[in-house]
Amino acid sequence: MEVMSKEDIIEKVNEFLVEEFEVEQEAILPDADLKETLDMDSLDYVDLVIEIESNFGFKVQPEDFVDIKTFQDFYDYITDRVETK
């Protein structure tokens, strides 16, 4: 798999967020609250985990989400995981 830049990762994440969570692209801001913006419930987390695993090829642990508050946290988490797998 080719190495993805941080920009590629952010673009890909935003793409599936807009598709899966029907959120407006304009609402996805780095310092916006992820859970609030996506109006997430526990089932949405499952969908999000599936999207991450299928798009980026790594396993997500539920505790990984404890520190993810904003979209920037989310991008950083995925970028770190992509770079270390």
N, C-alpha and C. Protein backbone atom coordinates (compact mmCIF):
# COMPACT_ATOMS: atom_id res chain seq x y z
N MET A 1 0.84 -1.19 0.00
CA MET A 1 0.00 0.00 0.00
C MET A 1 0.89 1.25 0.00
N GLU A 2 0.52 2.22 -0.83
CA GLU A 2 1.35 3.42 -0.88
C GLU A 2 1.22 4.23 0.39
N VAL A 3 2.25 4.98 0.67
CA VAL A 3 2.25 5.83 1.86
C VAL A 3 1.30 7.00 1.61
N MET A 4 0.44 7.25 2.58
CA MET A 4 -0.51 8.35 2.44
C MET A 4 0.02 9.57 3.20
N SER A 5 -0.14 10.72 2.58
CA SER A 5 0.23 11.94 3.28
C SER A 5 -0.88 12.29 4.27
N LYS A 6 -0.57 13.16 5.19
CA LYS A 6 -1.58 13.61 6.16
C LYS A 6 -2.78 14.21 5.41
N GLU A 7 -2.51 14.94 4.34
CA GLU A 7 -3.59 15.55 3.55
C GLU A 7 -4.47 14.47 2.92
N ASP A 8 -3.84 13.41 2.39
CA ASP A 8 -4.61 12.30 1.81
C ASP A 8 -5.51 11.67 2.86
N ILE A 9 -4.96 11.48 4.04
CA ILE A 9 -5.71 10.85 5.13
C ILE A 9 -6.91 11.73 5.51
N ILE A 10 -6.67 13.01 5.68
CA ILE A 10 -7.75 13.94 6.06
C ILE A 10 -8.84 13.94 4.98
N GLU A 11 -8.42 13.97 3.73
CA GLU A 11 -9.37 13.98 2.62
C GLU A 11 -10.22 12.70 2.63
N LYS A 12 -9.57 11.57 2.81
CA LYS A 12 -10.27 10.29 2.83
C LYS A 12 -11.22 10.20 4.02
N VAL A 13 -10.77 10.64 5.18
CA VAL A 13 -11.62 10.64 6.38
C VAL A 13 -12.84 11.52 6.14
N ASN A 14 -12.63 12.74 5.66
CA ASN A 14 -13.74 13.66 5.43
C ASN A 14 -14.73 13.09 4.43
N GLU A 15 -14.21 12.41 3.40
CA GLU A 15 -15.06 11.78 2.40
C GLU A 15 -16.03 10.78 3.03
N PHE A 16 -15.49 9.85 3.83
CA PHE A 16 -16.40 8.86 4.40
C PHE A 16 -17.28 9.42 5.51
N LEU A 17 -16.82 10.49 6.17
CA LEU A 17 -17.67 11.13 7.18
C LEU A 17 -18.89 11.78 6.52
N VAL A 18 -18.65 12.46 5.41
CA VAL A 18 -19.74 13.12 4.68
C VAL A 18 -20.72 12.06 4.16
N GLU A 19 -20.18 10.97 3.60
CA GLU A 19 -21.03 9.91 3.06
C GLU A 19 -21.79 9.15 4.15
N GLU A 20 -21.05 8.64 5.12
CA GLU A 20 -21.64 7.76 6.14
C GLU A 20 -22.48 8.50 7.17
N PHE A 21 -22.05 9.68 7.54
CA PHE A 21 -22.72 10.38 8.64
C PHE A 21 -23.57 11.55 8.16
N GLU A 22 -23.61 11.74 6.83
CA GLU A 22 -24.44 12.78 6.22
C GLU A 22 -24.22 14.14 6.90
N VAL A 23 -22.95 14.43 7.15
CA VAL A 23 -22.59 15.71 7.74
C VAL A 23 -22.09 16.62 6.61
N GLU A 24 -22.35 17.90 6.74
CA GLU A 24 -21.89 18.86 5.73
C GLU A 24 -20.37 18.99 5.80
N GLN A 25 -19.73 19.00 4.66
CA GLN A 25 -18.27 19.17 4.58
C GLN A 25 -17.82 20.40 5.36
N GLU A 26 -18.62 21.48 5.30
CA GLU A 26 -18.27 22.74 5.97
C GLU A 26 -18.26 22.59 7.50
N ALA A 27 -18.99 21.60 8.02
CA ALA A 27 -19.07 21.41 9.47
C ALA A 27 -17.84 20.69 10.02
N ILE A 28 -17.07 20.09 9.12
CA ILE A 28 -15.90 19.33 9.55
C ILE A 28 -14.70 20.27 9.65
N LEU A 29 -14.48 20.76 10.86
CA LEU A 29 -13.38 21.68 11.12
C LEU A 29 -12.43 21.02 12.11
N PRO A 30 -11.12 21.26 11.98
CA PRO A 30 -10.16 20.57 12.85
C PRO A 30 -10.46 20.67 14.34
N ASP A 31 -10.94 21.83 14.80
CA ASP A 31 -11.18 21.95 16.24
C ASP A 31 -12.64 21.75 16.64
N ALA A 32 -13.47 21.31 15.69
CA ALA A 32 -14.88 21.02 16.01
C ALA A 32 -14.96 19.71 16.80
N ASP A 33 -15.96 19.61 17.63
CA ASP A 33 -16.18 18.41 18.44
C ASP A 33 -16.70 17.28 17.53
N LEU A 34 -15.94 16.20 17.49
CA LEU A 34 -16.26 15.08 16.59
C LEU A 34 -17.63 14.48 16.90
N LYS A 35 -17.85 14.13 18.15
CA LYS A 35 -19.09 13.45 18.53
C LYS A 35 -20.31 14.34 18.30
N GLU A 36 -20.19 15.61 18.68
CA GLU A 36 -21.31 16.55 18.51
C GLU A 36 -21.60 16.82 17.04
N THR A 37 -20.55 17.09 16.29
CA THR A 37 -20.72 17.43 14.87
C THR A 37 -21.36 16.28 14.11
N LEU A 38 -20.93 15.05 14.42
CA LEU A 38 -21.46 13.88 13.71
C LEU A 38 -22.74 13.35 14.36
N ASP A 39 -23.12 13.94 15.50
CA ASP A 39 -24.31 13.51 16.22
C ASP A 39 -24.27 11.98 16.43
N MET A 40 -23.16 11.53 17.05
CA MET A 40 -22.89 10.10 17.15
C MET A 40 -23.53 9.43 18.37
N ASP A 41 -24.06 8.23 18.13
CA ASP A 41 -24.47 7.36 19.22
C ASP A 41 -23.57 6.12 19.17
N SER A 42 -23.84 5.15 20.03
CA SER A 42 -22.94 4.00 20.10
C SER A 42 -22.91 3.20 18.79
N LEU A 43 -24.01 3.13 18.07
CA LEU A 43 -24.01 2.43 16.78
C LEU A 43 -23.15 3.15 15.75
N ASP A 44 -23.15 4.47 15.83
CA ASP A 44 -22.32 5.25 14.91
C ASP A 44 -20.84 4.97 15.13
N TYR A 45 -20.46 4.74 16.39
CA TYR A 45 -19.06 4.40 16.67
C TYR A 45 -18.67 3.11 15.96
N VAL A 46 -19.59 2.14 15.98
CA VAL A 46 -19.33 0.87 15.30
C VAL A 46 -19.11 1.13 13.81
N ASP A 47 -19.98 1.93 13.21
CA ASP A 47 -19.84 2.28 11.79
C ASP A 47 -18.52 2.98 11.53
N LEU A 48 -18.16 3.89 12.42
CA LEU A 48 -16.92 4.64 12.27
C LEU A 48 -15.71 3.70 12.32
N VAL A 49 -15.73 2.78 13.27
CA VAL A 49 -14.64 1.80 13.40
C VAL A 49 -14.53 0.96 12.12
N ILE A 50 -15.65 0.52 11.60
CA ILE A 50 -15.65 -0.28 10.37
C ILE A 50 -15.07 0.53 9.21
N GLU A 51 -15.48 1.79 9.11
CA GLU A 51 -14.95 2.66 8.05
C GLU A 51 -13.43 2.83 8.17
N ILE A 52 -12.95 3.06 9.38
CA ILE A 52 -11.51 3.24 9.59
C ILE A 52 -10.77 1.96 9.20
N GLU A 53 -11.27 0.83 9.70
CA GLU A 53 -10.59 -0.44 9.44
C GLU A 53 -10.58 -0.78 7.95
N SER A 54 -11.70 -0.53 7.26
CA SER A 54 -11.73 -0.87 5.84
C SER A 54 -10.96 0.12 4.97
N ASN A 55 -10.92 1.39 5.38
CA ASN A 55 -10.20 2.40 4.60
C ASN A 55 -8.71 2.44 4.87
N PHE A 56 -8.31 2.12 6.11
CA PHE A 56 -6.91 2.29 6.49
C PHE A 56 -6.21 1.01 6.91
N GLY A 57 -6.96 -0.08 7.04
CA GLY A 57 -6.35 -1.39 7.27
C GLY A 57 -5.70 -1.61 8.62
N PHE A 58 -6.22 -1.02 9.68
CA PHE A 58 -5.72 -1.35 11.01
C PHE A 58 -6.90 -1.53 11.96
N LYS A 59 -6.68 -2.29 13.00
CA LYS A 59 -7.72 -2.57 14.00
C LYS A 59 -7.84 -1.41 14.97
N VAL A 60 -9.06 -1.05 15.28
CA VAL A 60 -9.33 0.03 16.23
C VAL A 60 -9.79 -0.58 17.55
N GLN A 61 -9.21 -0.10 18.63
CA GLN A 61 -9.62 -0.53 19.97
C GLN A 61 -10.58 0.53 20.53
N PRO A 62 -11.63 0.09 21.24
CA PRO A 62 -12.58 1.08 21.80
C PRO A 62 -11.89 2.15 22.65
N GLU A 63 -10.87 1.75 23.41
CA GLU A 63 -10.20 2.73 24.27
C GLU A 63 -9.44 3.78 23.47
N ASP A 64 -9.19 3.51 22.19
CA ASP A 64 -8.52 4.50 21.34
C ASP A 64 -9.32 5.79 21.25
N PHE A 65 -10.63 5.69 21.41
CA PHE A 65 -11.49 6.86 21.24
C PHE A 65 -11.57 7.73 22.49
N VAL A 66 -11.04 7.26 23.59
CA VAL A 66 -11.13 8.02 24.85
C VAL A 66 -10.55 9.42 24.70
N ASP A 67 -9.41 9.54 24.04
CA ASP A 67 -8.74 10.83 23.92
C ASP A 67 -9.11 11.62 22.67
N ILE A 68 -9.98 11.08 21.84
CA ILE A 68 -10.36 11.76 20.60
C ILE A 68 -11.57 12.64 20.86
N LYS A 69 -11.33 13.94 20.84
CA LYS A 69 -12.42 14.89 21.08
C LYS A 69 -12.76 15.68 19.80
N THR A 70 -11.74 16.09 19.08
CA THR A 70 -11.95 16.94 17.90
C THR A 70 -11.59 16.18 16.63
N PHE A 71 -11.93 16.77 15.50
CA PHE A 71 -11.54 16.16 14.23
C PHE A 71 -10.02 16.08 14.11
N GLN A 72 -9.32 17.10 14.64
CA GLN A 72 -7.85 17.08 14.59
C GLN A 72 -7.31 15.89 15.37
N ASP A 73 -7.87 15.62 16.55
CA ASP A 73 -7.46 14.44 17.32
C ASP A 73 -7.67 13.17 16.49
N PHE A 74 -8.79 13.13 15.81
CA PHE A 74 -9.16 11.97 15.00
C PHE A 74 -8.17 11.79 13.84
N TYR A 75 -7.87 12.89 13.14
CA TYR A 75 -6.89 12.83 12.04
C TYR A 75 -5.53 12.37 12.56
N ASP A 76 -5.11 12.95 13.70
CA ASP A 76 -3.80 12.60 14.27
C ASP A 76 -3.74 11.12 14.63
N TYR A 77 -4.82 10.63 15.22
CA TYR A 77 -4.90 9.22 15.60
C TYR A 77 -4.72 8.33 14.37
N ILE A 78 -5.48 8.60 13.32
CA ILE A 78 -5.39 7.77 12.11
C ILE A 78 -4.01 7.89 11.47
N THR A 79 -3.50 9.11 11.38
CA THR A 79 -2.17 9.32 10.79
C THR A 79 -1.11 8.53 11.54
N ASP A 80 -1.14 8.63 12.89
CA ASP A 80 -0.18 7.88 13.70
C ASP A 80 -0.28 6.39 13.45
N ARG A 81 -1.50 5.89 13.41
CA ARG A 81 -1.71 4.45 13.23
C ARG A 81 -1.28 4.00 11.83
N VAL A 82 -1.58 4.79 10.82
CA VAL A 82 -1.19 4.47 9.44
C VAL A 82 0.34 4.44 9.32
N GLU A 83 0.98 5.41 9.97
CA GLU A 83 2.44 5.50 9.87
C GLU A 83 3.16 4.39 10.63
N THR A 84 2.52 3.83 11.66
CA THR A 84 3.22 2.82 12.49
C THR A 84 2.84 1.39 12.16
N LYS A 85 1.87 1.21 11.23
CA LYS A 85 1.47 -0.19 10.99
C LYS A 85 2.39 -0.92 10.04
